[in-house]
Structure formats: C-alpha cells, structure tokens
Protein backbone atom coordinates (compact mmCIF):
# COMPACT_ATOMS: atom_id res chain seq x y z
CA MET A 1 150.80 81.60 115.21
CA LEU A 2 150.97 85.05 113.69
CA LYS A 3 150.24 83.63 110.24
CA ILE A 4 147.22 81.71 111.53
CA TYR A 5 145.87 84.80 113.26
CA SER A 6 146.38 86.96 110.16
CA CYS A 7 144.66 84.39 107.93
CA THR A 8 141.80 84.12 110.38
CA LYS A 9 141.33 87.89 110.39
CA LEU A 10 141.47 87.97 106.61
CA LEU A 11 138.93 85.17 106.26
CA LEU A 12 136.70 86.84 108.83
CA ALA A 13 136.84 90.18 107.04
CA PHE A 14 136.10 88.44 103.73
CA SER A 15 133.15 86.59 105.28
CA LEU A 16 131.76 89.84 106.66
CA LEU A 17 132.04 91.46 103.24
CA LEU A 18 130.30 88.56 101.50
CA ILE A 19 127.46 88.49 104.00
CA LYS A 20 127.04 92.24 103.93
CA THR A 21 126.73 92.41 100.17
CA ASN A 22 125.02 89.12 99.36
CA SER A 23 122.77 88.36 102.33
CA PHE A 24 121.77 91.41 104.29
CA ALA A 25 122.15 93.68 101.26
CA GLN A 26 120.17 91.48 98.85
CA SER A 27 117.52 93.58 97.15
CA GLY A 28 114.18 91.87 97.65
CA SER A 29 115.12 90.01 100.83
CA ILE A 30 112.80 90.27 103.81
CA ASP A 31 113.49 93.09 106.26
CA ALA A 32 113.88 91.33 109.61
CA SER A 33 113.33 94.57 111.56
CA PHE A 34 109.66 94.65 110.48
CA SER A 35 107.24 92.00 111.72
CA SER A 36 103.51 91.45 111.33
CA PRO A 37 101.35 91.37 114.50
CA LEU A 38 98.28 90.21 112.57
CA LYS A 39 96.52 86.95 113.24
CA GLN A 40 95.01 84.48 110.80
CA TYR A 41 91.50 83.78 112.03
CA SER A 42 89.59 80.55 111.54
CA TYR A 43 85.89 80.00 110.90
CA LEU A 44 84.75 76.43 110.25
CA GLN A 45 87.00 75.20 107.41
CA TRP A 46 87.99 78.69 106.27
CA LYS A 47 91.14 80.67 107.05
CA LEU A 48 90.43 84.39 107.22
CA GLY A 49 92.55 87.50 106.72
CA GLU A 50 93.64 89.77 103.88
CA ILE A 51 95.05 93.24 103.23
CA THR A 52 93.49 94.88 100.16
CA SER A 53 95.01 98.38 100.33
CA MET A 54 97.31 100.51 102.45
CA ALA A 55 98.73 104.01 102.72
CA GLN A 56 101.67 105.47 104.63
CA GLN A 57 101.54 108.59 106.77
CA SER A 58 104.26 111.23 106.89
CA ASP A 59 105.46 109.72 110.20
CA GLN A 60 105.83 106.35 108.38
CA LYS A 61 102.94 104.74 110.21
CA ILE A 62 100.91 102.49 107.90
CA VAL A 63 97.12 102.43 107.57
CA ILE A 64 96.03 98.99 106.37
CA CYS A 65 92.60 97.98 105.09
CA GLY A 66 91.13 94.61 104.24
CA LEU A 67 89.26 91.66 105.71
CA TYR A 68 89.53 90.23 109.23
CA ILE A 69 92.41 92.39 110.45
CA GLY A 70 93.39 91.90 114.08
CA SER A 71 95.80 90.32 116.53
CA GLU A 72 93.58 88.73 119.16
CA GLY A 73 90.22 87.13 119.90
CA SER A 74 88.04 85.34 117.34
CA PHE A 75 87.17 86.39 113.79
CA GLN A 76 84.21 88.30 115.22
CA ASP A 77 86.69 90.65 116.95
CA ALA A 78 88.56 91.44 113.72
CA LYS A 79 88.22 94.77 111.93
CA SER A 80 88.57 95.97 108.37
CA LEU A 81 91.29 98.53 109.10
CA ALA A 82 94.12 99.21 111.53
CA ARG A 83 97.30 101.24 111.78
CA LEU A 84 100.80 99.87 112.21
CA ASN A 85 103.85 101.56 113.67
CA PRO A 86 106.96 101.80 111.43
CA ASP A 87 108.27 98.51 112.91
CA GLY A 88 105.04 96.67 112.07
CA SER A 89 103.53 96.59 115.56
CA LEU A 90 99.89 97.63 116.02
CA ASP A 91 99.41 101.29 116.90
CA PRO A 92 97.15 101.34 120.01
CA THR A 93 96.40 105.06 119.54
CA PHE A 94 94.37 104.23 116.41
CA LYS A 95 90.95 103.20 117.67
CA VAL A 96 88.36 101.47 115.49
CA ASP A 97 85.04 100.85 117.19
CA VAL A 98 82.51 99.25 114.84
CA GLY A 99 84.19 100.71 111.77
CA PRO A 100 82.67 100.27 108.30
CA ASP A 101 79.88 97.76 107.75
CA HIS A 102 81.48 96.25 104.66
CA LEU A 103 84.67 96.03 102.58
CA ILE A 104 87.19 98.86 102.24
CA GLN A 105 88.86 98.86 98.82
CA ALA A 106 90.79 102.14 98.79
CA VAL A 107 92.63 104.37 101.26
CA ALA A 108 94.39 107.71 100.76
CA MET A 109 96.16 110.19 103.02
CA GLN A 110 95.35 113.90 103.06
CA LEU A 111 98.13 116.42 103.65
CA ASP A 112 96.61 117.31 107.04
CA GLY A 113 96.93 113.67 108.16
CA LYS A 114 93.25 112.80 107.85
CA ILE A 115 92.46 109.48 106.19
CA LEU A 116 90.04 108.85 103.32
CA ILE A 117 88.61 105.35 102.93
CA GLY A 118 86.35 104.03 100.19
CA GLY A 119 84.67 100.78 99.25
CA ASP A 120 81.42 98.85 99.49
CA PHE A 121 80.29 100.09 102.91
CA GLN A 122 77.29 102.26 103.75
CA LYS A 123 78.01 103.09 107.39
CA TYR A 124 80.99 103.84 109.61
CA ASP A 125 80.57 103.35 113.37
CA GLY A 126 76.83 103.17 112.70
CA VAL A 127 76.73 106.58 110.96
CA LYS A 128 75.60 106.81 107.31
CA ALA A 129 78.63 107.11 105.03
CA TYR A 130 77.87 105.88 101.53
CA HIS A 131 81.05 104.28 100.18
CA ILE A 132 83.47 107.01 101.28
CA ALA A 133 84.37 108.42 104.69
CA ARG A 134 87.05 110.56 106.25
CA LEU A 135 88.71 109.67 109.53
CA HIS A 136 90.63 111.70 112.05
CA THR A 137 94.18 110.64 112.82
CA ASP A 138 92.93 108.56 115.78
CA GLY A 139 90.56 106.52 113.58
CA SER A 140 87.34 108.25 114.62
CA LEU A 141 84.86 109.43 112.00
CA ASP A 142 85.19 113.01 110.75
CA THR A 143 81.56 114.15 110.83
CA THR A 144 82.32 117.33 108.83
CA PHE A 145 82.76 115.15 105.72
CA HIS A 146 79.49 114.03 104.09
CA SER A 147 79.46 111.57 101.21
CA CYS A 148 77.48 112.67 98.17
CA LEU A 149 77.49 109.15 96.70
CA ASP A 150 74.30 107.13 96.49
CA GLU A 151 73.90 103.84 98.29
CA ASN A 152 74.41 101.73 95.14
CA SER A 153 77.67 103.31 93.91
CA GLN A 154 80.46 101.04 95.09
CA LEU A 155 83.78 102.91 95.17
CA TYR A 156 87.02 101.46 93.79
CA LYS A 157 89.79 104.10 93.83
CA ILE A 158 90.57 107.43 95.48
CA PHE A 159 92.93 110.10 94.14
CA ILE A 160 93.61 113.35 96.01
CA GLN A 161 94.47 116.30 93.78
CA PRO A 162 97.04 118.94 94.85
CA ASP A 163 94.18 121.35 95.62
CA GLY A 164 92.65 118.81 98.03
CA LYS A 165 89.73 117.84 95.80
CA ILE A 166 89.03 114.13 95.54
CA LEU A 167 88.64 112.04 92.37
CA VAL A 168 86.95 108.66 92.78
CA THR A 169 86.06 105.78 90.49
CA ARG A 170 82.84 103.91 91.20
CA SER A 171 80.20 101.57 89.76
CA SER A 172 77.84 104.05 88.15
CA SER A 173 76.74 105.52 84.82
CA GLN A 174 79.11 108.36 85.78
CA PRO A 175 82.07 106.21 86.90
CA ILE A 176 84.37 109.14 87.71
CA ILE A 177 83.28 112.09 89.79
CA ARG A 178 85.14 114.72 91.77
CA LEU A 179 84.34 115.67 95.35
CA ASN A 180 85.02 118.87 97.21
CA THR A 181 86.99 118.69 100.44
CA ASP A 182 83.75 118.36 102.45
CA GLY A 183 82.51 115.37 100.43
CA SER A 184 80.01 117.27 98.27
CA GLN A 185 80.11 116.82 94.49
CA ASP A 186 82.27 119.25 92.54
CA THR A 187 79.88 120.36 89.78
CA SER A 188 82.72 121.96 87.79
CA PHE A 189 83.79 118.43 86.84
CA SER A 190 81.70 116.19 84.59
CA MET A 191 82.98 113.16 82.71
CA ASP A 192 82.20 113.74 79.03
CA LEU A 193 83.52 111.29 76.42
CA GLY A 194 81.84 113.03 73.48
CA SER A 195 81.00 110.56 70.70
CA VAL A 196 82.13 107.61 72.87
CA ILE A 197 78.80 106.40 74.19
CA ASN A 198 79.50 102.75 74.98
CA TYR A 199 82.29 101.97 77.40
CA THR A 200 83.57 99.89 80.31
CA LEU A 201 86.01 101.69 82.58
CA ARG A 202 88.70 99.59 84.29
CA SER A 203 91.09 102.04 85.99
CA MET A 204 92.37 105.61 86.22
CA ALA A 205 95.58 107.58 86.81
CA LEU A 206 96.11 111.24 87.60
CA GLN A 207 98.80 113.21 85.74
CA SER A 208 100.79 116.03 87.36
CA ASP A 209 99.07 118.57 85.06
CA GLY A 210 95.63 117.56 86.33
CA LYS A 211 94.68 115.50 83.27
CA ILE A 212 93.22 112.05 83.88
CA LEU A 213 94.08 108.81 82.08
CA ILE A 214 91.42 106.10 81.92
CA THR A 215 91.62 102.49 80.75
CA GLY A 216 88.95 100.07 79.58
CA LEU A 217 87.06 99.49 76.36
CA PHE A 218 85.58 102.59 74.72
CA THR A 219 83.51 102.49 71.51
CA GLU A 220 82.91 105.60 69.42
CA TYR A 221 79.79 106.12 67.32
CA PRO A 222 78.99 106.16 64.47
CA SER A 223 82.56 105.19 63.43
CA GLU A 224 82.61 102.21 65.88
CA LYS A 225 86.29 102.80 66.54
CA LYS A 226 87.45 101.21 69.78
CA TYR A 227 90.00 102.55 72.25
CA SER A 228 91.83 101.13 75.26
CA VAL A 229 93.13 104.35 76.82
CA LEU A 230 91.65 107.85 76.75
CA ARG A 231 92.64 111.08 78.48
CA LEU A 232 90.36 113.59 80.16
CA LEU A 233 91.01 117.27 80.66
CA PRO A 234 90.88 118.59 84.26
CA ASP A 235 87.18 119.44 83.83
CA GLY A 236 86.30 115.88 82.74
CA LYS A 237 85.97 116.40 78.99
CA MET A 238 87.77 113.97 76.69
CA GLU A 239 91.02 115.20 75.12
CA LYS A 240 90.50 114.72 71.38
CA ASP A 241 94.17 114.45 70.38
CA PHE A 242 95.02 111.49 72.63
CA SER A 243 94.00 107.83 72.45
CA VAL A 244 95.36 104.29 72.37
CA ILE A 245 93.61 102.09 69.81
CA TYR A 246 92.05 98.84 71.04
CA GLU A 247 93.56 95.60 69.72
CA SER A 248 91.36 92.55 69.41
CA GLY A 249 91.36 90.36 72.51
CA GLN A 250 93.28 92.88 74.62
CA LEU A 251 91.94 94.76 77.63
CA PHE A 252 93.88 97.34 79.64
CA TYR A 253 93.35 97.59 83.37
CA GLU A 254 95.91 99.08 85.81
CA ILE A 255 97.60 102.29 84.66
CA VAL A 256 100.22 104.53 86.26
CA VAL A 257 102.21 107.60 85.23
CA GLN A 258 105.98 107.68 85.71
CA ASN A 259 107.76 110.75 87.03
CA ASP A 260 108.94 111.54 83.50
CA GLY A 261 105.37 111.49 82.16
CA LYS A 262 105.59 108.11 80.43
CA ILE A 263 102.61 105.81 80.92
CA LEU A 264 102.74 102.19 82.09
CA VAL A 265 99.73 99.98 81.44
CA ALA A 266 99.01 96.44 82.55
CA SER A 267 96.99 94.54 79.96
CA GLU A 268 95.18 91.25 79.64
CA ARG A 269 95.10 89.43 76.31
CA THR A 270 92.86 86.49 75.42
CA ILE A 271 94.05 84.10 72.69
CA ASN A 272 92.26 80.77 72.13
CA ASN A 273 90.62 81.10 75.54
CA GLN A 274 94.06 81.48 77.18
CA TYR A 275 94.84 84.57 79.25
CA ASP A 276 98.19 86.34 79.02
CA TYR A 277 99.19 89.47 80.92
CA TYR A 278 101.52 92.17 79.62
CA LEU A 279 103.16 95.40 80.68
CA ILE A 280 103.40 98.09 77.99
CA ARG A 281 104.82 101.61 78.13
CA TYR A 282 103.64 104.62 76.15
CA HIS A 283 105.01 108.10 75.65
CA SER A 284 102.93 110.98 77.01
CA ASP A 285 101.39 111.48 73.54
CA GLY A 286 100.04 107.90 73.46
CA SER A 287 102.64 106.42 71.10
CA VAL A 288 104.31 103.14 72.06
CA ASP A 289 107.72 103.44 73.74
CA THR A 290 109.70 101.10 71.48
CA GLY A 291 112.76 101.38 73.76
CA PHE A 292 110.90 99.60 76.55
CA THR A 293 110.97 95.81 76.80
CA ASN A 294 107.36 94.73 77.22
CA GLN A 295 107.13 91.96 79.81
CA SER A 296 104.65 89.08 79.92
CA PHE A 297 103.20 87.59 83.13
CA ASP A 298 101.06 84.63 84.09
CA ASP A 299 98.55 86.64 86.17
CA ASP A 300 97.47 90.15 87.17
CA ILE A 301 99.75 93.06 88.04
CA LYS A 302 98.08 94.82 90.97
CA SER A 303 100.51 97.55 92.04
CA PHE A 304 103.40 99.72 90.82
CA ALA A 305 106.13 101.72 92.57
CA PHE A 306 109.05 103.76 91.25
CA GLN A 307 112.45 103.98 92.89
CA ALA A 308 114.55 107.15 92.86
CA ASP A 309 116.94 105.54 90.34
CA GLY A 310 114.08 105.01 87.88
CA LYS A 311 113.71 101.28 88.43
CA ILE A 312 110.15 99.94 88.44
CA LEU A 313 108.64 97.65 91.07
CA LEU A 314 105.66 95.49 90.18
CA ALA A 315 103.54 93.41 92.54
CA GLY A 316 100.50 91.24 92.02
CA TRP A 317 99.11 87.77 91.57
CA PHE A 318 101.74 86.60 89.07
CA THR A 319 104.34 83.94 89.83
CA HIS A 320 106.29 84.12 86.53
CA SER A 321 107.43 86.84 84.13
CA ASN A 322 108.70 85.88 80.67
CA PHE A 323 108.37 82.24 81.84
CA GLN A 324 110.89 82.80 84.65
CA PRO A 325 109.94 82.51 88.35
CA ASN A 326 109.26 85.92 89.93
CA ASN A 327 107.01 85.27 92.87
CA HIS A 328 104.52 88.14 93.09
CA VAL A 329 107.14 90.95 93.18
CA VAL A 330 109.65 91.82 90.46
CA ARG A 331 111.86 94.82 89.68
CA LEU A 332 112.51 96.15 86.20
CA ASN A 333 115.36 98.28 84.96
CA VAL A 334 114.48 101.62 83.36
CA ASP A 335 114.34 99.94 79.92
CA GLY A 336 111.87 97.29 81.08
CA THR A 337 114.29 94.38 81.34
CA ILE A 338 114.19 92.24 84.48
CA ASP A 339 116.59 93.42 87.20
CA GLN A 340 118.44 90.23 88.07
CA SER A 341 119.95 91.78 91.23
CA PHE A 342 116.47 91.78 92.83
CA SER A 343 114.94 88.56 94.15
CA VAL A 344 112.26 87.70 96.71
CA GLY A 345 113.30 84.04 96.70
CA VAL A 346 110.38 81.74 97.40
CA GLY A 347 108.32 84.84 98.18
CA PRO A 348 104.86 84.73 99.79
CA THR A 349 102.55 81.77 100.30
CA GLY A 350 99.72 83.68 98.59
CA LYS A 351 98.87 86.65 96.43
CA VAL A 352 100.02 90.28 96.76
CA ASN A 353 97.26 92.91 96.44
CA CYS A 354 99.12 96.14 97.17
CA MET A 355 102.58 97.63 97.55
CA LEU A 356 104.19 100.83 98.86
CA LEU A 357 107.72 102.20 98.65
CA ASP A 358 108.60 103.98 101.90
CA PRO A 359 110.96 107.00 102.21
CA ASN A 360 113.89 104.67 102.93
CA GLU A 361 113.10 102.71 99.73
CA LYS A 362 111.96 99.70 101.73
CA ILE A 363 109.10 97.87 100.03
CA LEU A 364 105.85 97.22 101.90
CA VAL A 365 103.66 94.47 100.46
CA GLY A 366 100.19 93.40 101.57
CA GLY A 367 97.90 90.60 100.48
CA ILE A 368 96.73 87.06 101.20
CA PHE A 369 99.76 85.28 102.63
CA THR A 370 100.95 83.92 105.96
CA SER A 371 104.70 83.68 105.38
CA TRP A 372 107.34 85.25 103.17
CA ASN A 373 110.34 83.25 102.04
CA GLY A 374 109.81 80.85 104.94
CA THR A 375 109.42 83.54 107.61
CA ASP A 376 106.04 84.02 109.32
CA ARG A 377 104.44 87.22 108.05
CA ASN A 378 100.65 87.39 108.15
CA PHE A 379 99.31 89.54 105.30
CA ILE A 380 102.06 92.20 105.35
CA ALA A 381 105.85 92.19 104.99
CA ARG A 382 108.64 94.67 104.33
CA LEU A 383 111.41 93.96 101.85
CA ASN A 384 114.81 95.52 101.37
CA GLY A 385 114.88 97.85 98.39
CA SER A 386 117.90 99.58 96.89
CA GLU A 387 121.18 98.19 98.18
CA THR A 388 122.57 101.55 99.25
CA ASN A 389 119.68 101.95 101.68
CA GLU A 390 119.41 98.39 102.92
CA ILE A 391 122.39 98.18 105.24
CA LYS A 392 122.52 99.84 108.61
CA ASP A 393 125.62 99.47 110.73
CA PHE A 394 124.31 97.53 113.71
CA THR A 395 127.78 96.53 114.91
CA ARG A 396 127.87 99.61 117.19
CA ASN A 397 124.80 100.15 119.35
CA GLU A 398 124.88 102.23 122.52
CA GLN A 399 121.67 100.66 123.84
CA ILE A 400 122.75 97.02 123.72
CA VAL A 401 126.09 95.24 123.93
CA ILE A 402 126.58 91.68 122.69
CA TYR A 403 129.91 90.00 123.43
CA PRO A 404 132.15 88.38 122.41
CA ASN A 405 131.59 89.55 118.85
CA PRO A 406 132.73 87.66 116.81
CA GLY A 407 132.11 84.62 118.99
CA ASN A 408 132.26 80.85 118.76
CA GLY A 409 128.73 80.01 119.91
CA ILE A 410 127.86 81.61 123.28
CA PHE A 411 126.97 85.33 123.31
CA HIS A 412 126.08 87.52 126.29
CA VAL A 413 123.62 90.42 126.02
CA ILE A 414 123.77 93.57 128.14
CA SER A 415 120.98 96.13 127.81
CA ALA A 416 121.35 99.79 128.82
CA GLU A 417 117.64 99.83 129.72
CA GLU A 418 115.58 97.52 131.91
CA LEU A 419 115.18 93.82 131.11
CA PRO A 420 114.27 93.41 127.41
CA GLU A 421 110.78 92.16 126.67
CA LYS A 422 111.87 89.82 123.88
CA ILE A 423 114.95 88.86 121.85
CA THR A 424 114.71 87.46 118.31
CA VAL A 425 117.58 86.19 116.17
CA TYR A 426 117.43 86.06 112.36
CA ASP A 427 119.75 84.16 110.04
CA PRO A 428 121.05 85.75 106.78
CA SER A 429 117.94 84.63 104.86
CA GLY A 430 115.67 86.50 107.30
CA ALA A 431 114.34 83.35 108.98
CA ILE A 432 113.88 83.34 112.77
CA VAL A 433 116.29 80.84 114.35
CA LEU A 434 115.96 81.81 118.02
CA ALA A 435 113.36 83.66 120.10
CA LEU A 436 113.28 84.07 123.87
CA VAL A 437 111.74 86.16 126.63
CA PRO A 438 114.51 87.02 129.15
CA GLU A 439 113.70 86.21 132.77
CA HIS A 440 116.83 87.74 134.33
CA SER A 441 119.65 90.14 133.43
CA ASN A 442 122.16 87.36 132.69
CA ILE A 443 121.05 86.90 129.07
CA VAL A 444 122.85 84.20 127.08
CA LEU A 445 122.33 83.42 123.40
CA ASP A 446 123.35 79.90 122.37
CA PHE A 447 124.42 79.75 118.68
CA GLN A 448 126.38 76.50 119.03
CA SER A 449 124.05 74.55 116.72
CA PHE A 450 124.02 77.30 114.05
CA ALA A 451 126.15 77.50 110.92
CA ASN A 452 128.95 80.08 110.77
CA GLY A 453 127.88 83.48 109.51
CA MET A 454 126.32 86.82 110.35
CA TYR A 455 123.12 86.96 112.42
CA LEU A 456 120.79 89.86 113.20
CA VAL A 457 119.67 90.17 116.83
CA GLN A 458 116.48 92.13 117.51
CA VAL A 459 116.01 93.32 121.10
CA ASN A 460 112.51 94.55 121.98
CA GLN A 461 112.75 97.12 124.77
CA LYS A 462 109.76 98.68 126.47
CA LYS A 463 110.05 101.91 124.48
CA SER A 464 112.22 100.93 121.51
CA ILE A 465 113.45 98.12 119.30
CA GLU A 466 117.22 97.78 118.93
CA PHE A 467 119.29 95.71 116.50
CA SER A 468 122.80 94.36 116.50
CA LYS A 469 124.75 92.17 114.11
CA VAL A 470 126.83 89.36 115.51
CA MET A 471 129.33 87.09 113.78
CA LEU A 472 129.52 83.37 114.55
CA VAL A 473 132.94 81.81 113.82
CA LYS A 474 133.49 78.34 115.28
C-alpha cells in the first residue's frame, strides 16, 4: 500500500510539472483569465465587428477602436471605440455617446491619461473634429483641443513625442505634420525632402533622438535615384547621409525601431505578378544587418512588439512564415530565426490588425476573428508571453477554496464573499469545458466526464475575478 501511495504521489507530481511547463506555461497559448465581452453583430448577410487599433493605459485598461464595437443591442447600437478593464470586461465608466462619425484608424495615450484618436471622421459627438480628436479619460470630447487638419486629410498614424507634440501621417501633399499640444500646427516642423520631388509615403517610425524614419517609394531628380527608406531630422528636413536604395519590385511599408536602434522593415515584393512579404533588419546607419535571418511571409505584417529579452513579436494577416504554419502571430529570436517555443496553435479564425505587449508581457491581439484556438474570443484575445511571467500560483487562494484538490471528479467550491456570479472552467488548451451560474452556496463542479489533468477555474465575484487550479486524477 505504501508503494502504491508513493508511486501515485510521484506520478501526480510529475503530471503537475508537465502540465505547468507544457500547457499553462506554453508561450503563445490563450490566457484564460482574459475574455472578450464584444458581440458579433449581423446585418442582412453580413457579420459585423472588427478592432483596428488599440492602446493601453498606465492602469492596464485597454482603449479599443474599430468597427461595430459593442456587447448588446443591434448593429445600430454599436460604437467605434470602447474601453476594457484588464480582465477584458467592458469598462462602464468610459462613456461614448455618438462618438466619431466615421472610422478610427489610430489611437495613442498621452502621459496625462488623455486619449488621442485619428482616422477618417469629421465630427465627434456632433462637434467638428477633422480627423483627430482628444478625449478625456471618461471618453468625453476635450474641447480645448482643436484639429488644424482640413476636412479631406484622412489620418493614418499618431506618434506622441516626449515633449508632448504630436506627429501624424495623413493623405495630403504634406503627409507628415506636427501638432502642438492644443491641436494647432507646429510651424517649426516642415517635411522637406530636398531633391526628392516624387514620392509615395507608406509608414513612419519615431527614433529616440527625435529623428523620423519614413518608408515608401521616393524618386530623386534629376538623378532619378529611387529610395525605400529615408530619415528626417527633428525639424522635418531630410538627412542627407541616410537612405535605403529601392530594389525593383520591392515596396517597404511598416517600420519600427528596436530599443538598440536597429530598424525592422516589413516589405512587399512582386515577382511575376506574385506577392511575397519579407522582414528585413538594418543597422541605424541604413546598412543591412547581415546577422539577422530575413523571414518571408505569405501576407502582410501589421504590428510589432519587443519583449524584454530582445525577442520580436510579429502579428498580421499572414498564416505562414518560411512556408511553415504560423497563424497570424509569430515570435522571432534576437537573430531573426523562428522561436519554436512559441505557438498559437490553430490561432484565430480571421486576421490580426494590431498587437500590444502589456507590462506583464502578456500579448493583446485585436482584429477580425470570433475565436482563438477553438475558444470564443470576439475581435480581441490575450496570449501568454514569456514563460517566466505566464504562471501564477493559483493553488492557494484566500478568496475561494476548491476541495478535494486533487480530486477524482466531484469538486466543491466555497467562496469567502457572497454567491459568485459565474464560474468558468478551462482545460489545459484554454478551451471552456464548463460554465455555470450558481443558484445556491452548495456549489459542485462535476469533472467526471473530463480527462485527467490540470484545469483552471475562474470565479467571477461581484467585485473581483478569482482563479484556482485544480487537478483531476481518476
């Protein structure tokens, strides 16, 4: 009997270790503690809903922007922006009345907590706001900010400088301008490309020294030299000693600067009417980083994020990299090779438009999807990031007690607070296997039909959400 008991304990400990490192600790797996409250709306034969951009506040609340965002009513009740609490629930303190009259494409957070939004709109809550507006922390319009943009200048991106001034890209003959903190144009900045007089601008990135990188196709006259990347000085004039030469059939679009000053560029190459997508890295002087493995993709890269360990997260519309499945999110090692320890599994049912890395190195992704790896997640999901930050010890929780643990199929739940509002159980893959609304204090969870293993129990209290891990051993 002693031998059987010892073996059982050993096997149980081994099972716990395996599950902890391979299931709950899997980089790229869905974070079961974050759920989406958003609804997919229907209109005739169309399914509506999309997140196009998002930003995170210092309190880890998330401002999301897009199309048909909401949790109730019909599509006519949906908005183009909302704010989520850190657990994914809608923040009721963020009020949007009419909101903007058209699409929001960019959002950025000021240090004082105010929110800048930009896009194709001309009004906010019925007040004139050509393509850019500033909101108070409660979602109301900040009427001290007045857009200097004209009604035809659609805005694409917003960058806030350390001094609070605002760089924007837009559809205009002057595609980059800088705004003062009140929305007026900063006349000390003027985009000047010198002898480059024919160009198409695709994207922009801001360096820590105030210089600005721009991508697109730039043609110099009279030499007719063509460039893919140029750099502007802080006043908007082109830096003469920096450029990346254009290669036939290749266009650069998204660009981002790493913490070490190296430059990552997503490019699109057309060969025999076939499109290929590549990621290339340059040194800060514009020379190619030959120590970086350039990756190929089957569709656009839309967003970048950098972990503290130097690894690189990419998200977008792609489903493969280097002909291997990587469904819309992939992680690279510092040398550009694919990080095989990171996997999103099946991933989302649609495209990813945007991504954020939160202070806990969890990965927020938004786009056009309704589930992630088989778990319902409308338009937004959170993934586990670095393994050292993925695992929280939920075996000891003063707010809830689940016993026996381990158990052979029937578990009892005791809550230190009043009757929980909802209980949700997730299996090791992050899929929901049980959900119930308790009607009395004698709460029983029936796992008898489940496979042996570790399960995560989420208990929604009135003022908090608690988690506990339980082990099923039949």
